[in-house]
Amino acid sequence: MTHTVTVKETTVFGNKVIKIASIDVTSYTTGGEVISASSLGLSAIESAIVCGQELPATVTIVAETDTSGDYASGSSFHLFSVDLDGTNAETSATDDIGANRVLIIGHR
């Protein structure tokens, strides 16, 4: 797991905190890159939306949920990457999946 989180913008809306962050993954982790709330300056995450990627022609990135639509934890989410090489297989461990812009809604 090698990634860097850079918060680009923070807005408070009522009791919610909205963050826009760049998450640059230089060495992907099989099963999804775990992004913690604390790395974003939050105590909990309610929603994470991938709204931009550096390498859209080679991989697709999603914020992974379980079958009920929940994240694995209220204090983290997984960035999951799939190769667009015709196999649609999960991206290989240690691959660079680039910088990804993510909008996160959470709590302080």
Protein backbone atom coordinates (compact mmCIF):
# COMPACT_ATOMS: atom_id res chain seq x y z
CA MET A 1 0.00 0.00 0.00
CA THR A 2 1.71 3.12 -1.21
CA HIS A 3 -0.46 6.16 -1.59
CA THR A 4 -0.40 9.87 -0.80
CA VAL A 5 -3.50 11.78 0.26
CA THR A 6 -3.57 15.52 -0.46
CA VAL A 7 -6.66 17.42 0.67
CA LYS A 8 -7.39 20.09 -1.95
CA GLU A 9 -10.47 21.70 -0.39
CA THR A 10 -12.54 21.47 2.79
CA THR A 11 -16.07 22.80 3.29
CA VAL A 12 -18.35 22.49 6.31
CA PHE A 13 -22.04 22.08 5.53
CA GLY A 14 -24.14 21.82 8.68
CA ASN A 15 -22.80 18.84 10.64
CA LYS A 16 -21.03 17.38 7.58
CA VAL A 17 -17.52 17.98 6.33
CA ILE A 18 -16.98 17.81 2.57
CA LYS A 19 -13.45 17.24 1.30
CA ILE A 20 -11.98 17.07 -2.16
CA ALA A 21 -8.76 15.10 -2.15
CA SER A 22 -6.18 13.80 -4.57
CA ILE A 23 -5.20 10.22 -3.76
CA ASP A 24 -2.09 9.20 -5.68
CA VAL A 25 -1.60 5.41 -5.62
CA THR A 26 1.89 4.47 -6.77
CA SER A 27 1.70 0.81 -5.68
CA TYR A 28 -1.78 -0.74 -5.69
CA THR A 29 -2.84 -3.21 -2.98
CA THR A 30 -4.80 -6.31 -4.06
CA GLY A 31 -8.34 -6.10 -2.71
CA GLY A 32 -8.38 -2.31 -2.84
CA GLU A 33 -6.37 0.57 -1.48
CA VAL A 34 -7.60 1.38 2.06
CA ILE A 35 -8.12 5.11 2.61
CA SER A 36 -8.63 6.01 6.26
CA ALA A 37 -10.81 8.81 7.57
CA SER A 38 -7.89 10.03 9.69
CA SER A 39 -5.72 10.52 6.57
CA LEU A 40 -8.36 13.05 5.48
CA GLY A 41 -8.66 14.73 8.89
CA LEU A 42 -12.02 13.04 9.54
CA SER A 43 -13.38 10.69 12.22
CA ALA A 44 -15.95 8.99 9.96
CA ILE A 45 -16.76 8.65 6.26
CA GLU A 46 -20.30 8.61 4.93
CA SER A 47 -19.63 8.79 1.20
CA ALA A 48 -16.72 8.70 -1.23
CA ILE A 49 -17.15 9.51 -4.91
CA VAL A 50 -14.36 9.15 -7.47
CA CYS A 51 -14.71 12.19 -9.72
CA GLY A 52 -11.50 12.09 -11.72
CA GLN A 53 -8.56 9.83 -12.55
CA GLU A 54 -5.12 10.30 -14.04
CA LEU A 55 -5.19 7.05 -16.07
CA PRO A 56 -8.79 6.67 -17.39
CA ALA A 57 -7.70 4.83 -20.54
CA THR A 58 -5.97 1.98 -18.66
CA VAL A 59 -7.85 1.50 -15.36
CA THR A 60 -11.19 2.36 -13.80
CA ILE A 61 -11.38 3.28 -10.12
CA VAL A 62 -14.39 3.01 -7.81
CA ALA A 63 -15.03 3.47 -4.10
CA GLU A 64 -15.96 -0.11 -3.24
CA THR A 65 -19.03 -1.01 -1.12
CA ASP A 66 -20.45 -4.31 0.09
CA THR A 67 -23.76 -5.78 -1.15
CA SER A 68 -25.74 -3.51 1.18
CA GLY A 69 -24.07 -0.39 -0.24
CA ASP A 70 -21.97 0.20 2.89
CA TYR A 71 -18.22 0.73 3.06
CA ALA A 72 -16.15 -1.90 4.84
CA SER A 73 -15.83 0.47 7.78
CA GLY A 74 -17.23 3.83 8.86
CA SER A 75 -13.67 5.01 9.29
CA SER A 76 -12.27 3.98 5.89
CA PHE A 77 -13.12 3.06 2.31
CA HIS A 78 -11.39 1.07 -0.44
CA LEU A 79 -10.35 2.46 -3.81
CA PHE A 80 -10.78 -0.56 -6.09
CA SER A 81 -9.09 -0.67 -9.50
CA VAL A 82 -9.94 -2.74 -12.59
CA ASP A 83 -7.77 -3.00 -15.72
CA LEU A 84 -9.33 -1.90 -19.00
CA ASP A 85 -7.24 -4.30 -21.07
CA GLY A 86 -10.12 -6.55 -22.14
CA THR A 87 -9.85 -8.85 -19.11
CA ASN A 88 -11.60 -6.47 -16.69
CA ALA A 89 -9.56 -8.14 -13.95
CA GLU A 90 -8.53 -6.41 -10.76
CA THR A 91 -5.38 -4.37 -11.24
CA SER A 92 -2.21 -6.25 -10.28
CA ALA A 93 -0.57 -5.61 -6.94
CA THR A 94 2.15 -2.95 -7.06
CA ASP A 95 0.78 -1.31 -10.24
CA ASP A 96 0.73 2.50 -10.33
CA ILE A 97 -2.93 3.56 -10.75
CA GLY A 98 -2.13 7.26 -10.70
CA ALA A 99 -3.74 10.22 -8.99
CA ASN A 100 -7.47 10.04 -8.37
CA ARG A 101 -9.70 12.93 -7.33
CA VAL A 102 -12.23 11.92 -4.71
CA LEU A 103 -15.07 13.83 -3.05
CA ILE A 104 -15.60 12.66 0.53
CA ILE A 105 -18.46 13.47 2.90
CA GLY A 106 -17.78 12.74 6.54
CA HIS A 107 -17.51 13.99 10.11
CA ARG A 108 -14.69 15.68 12.02
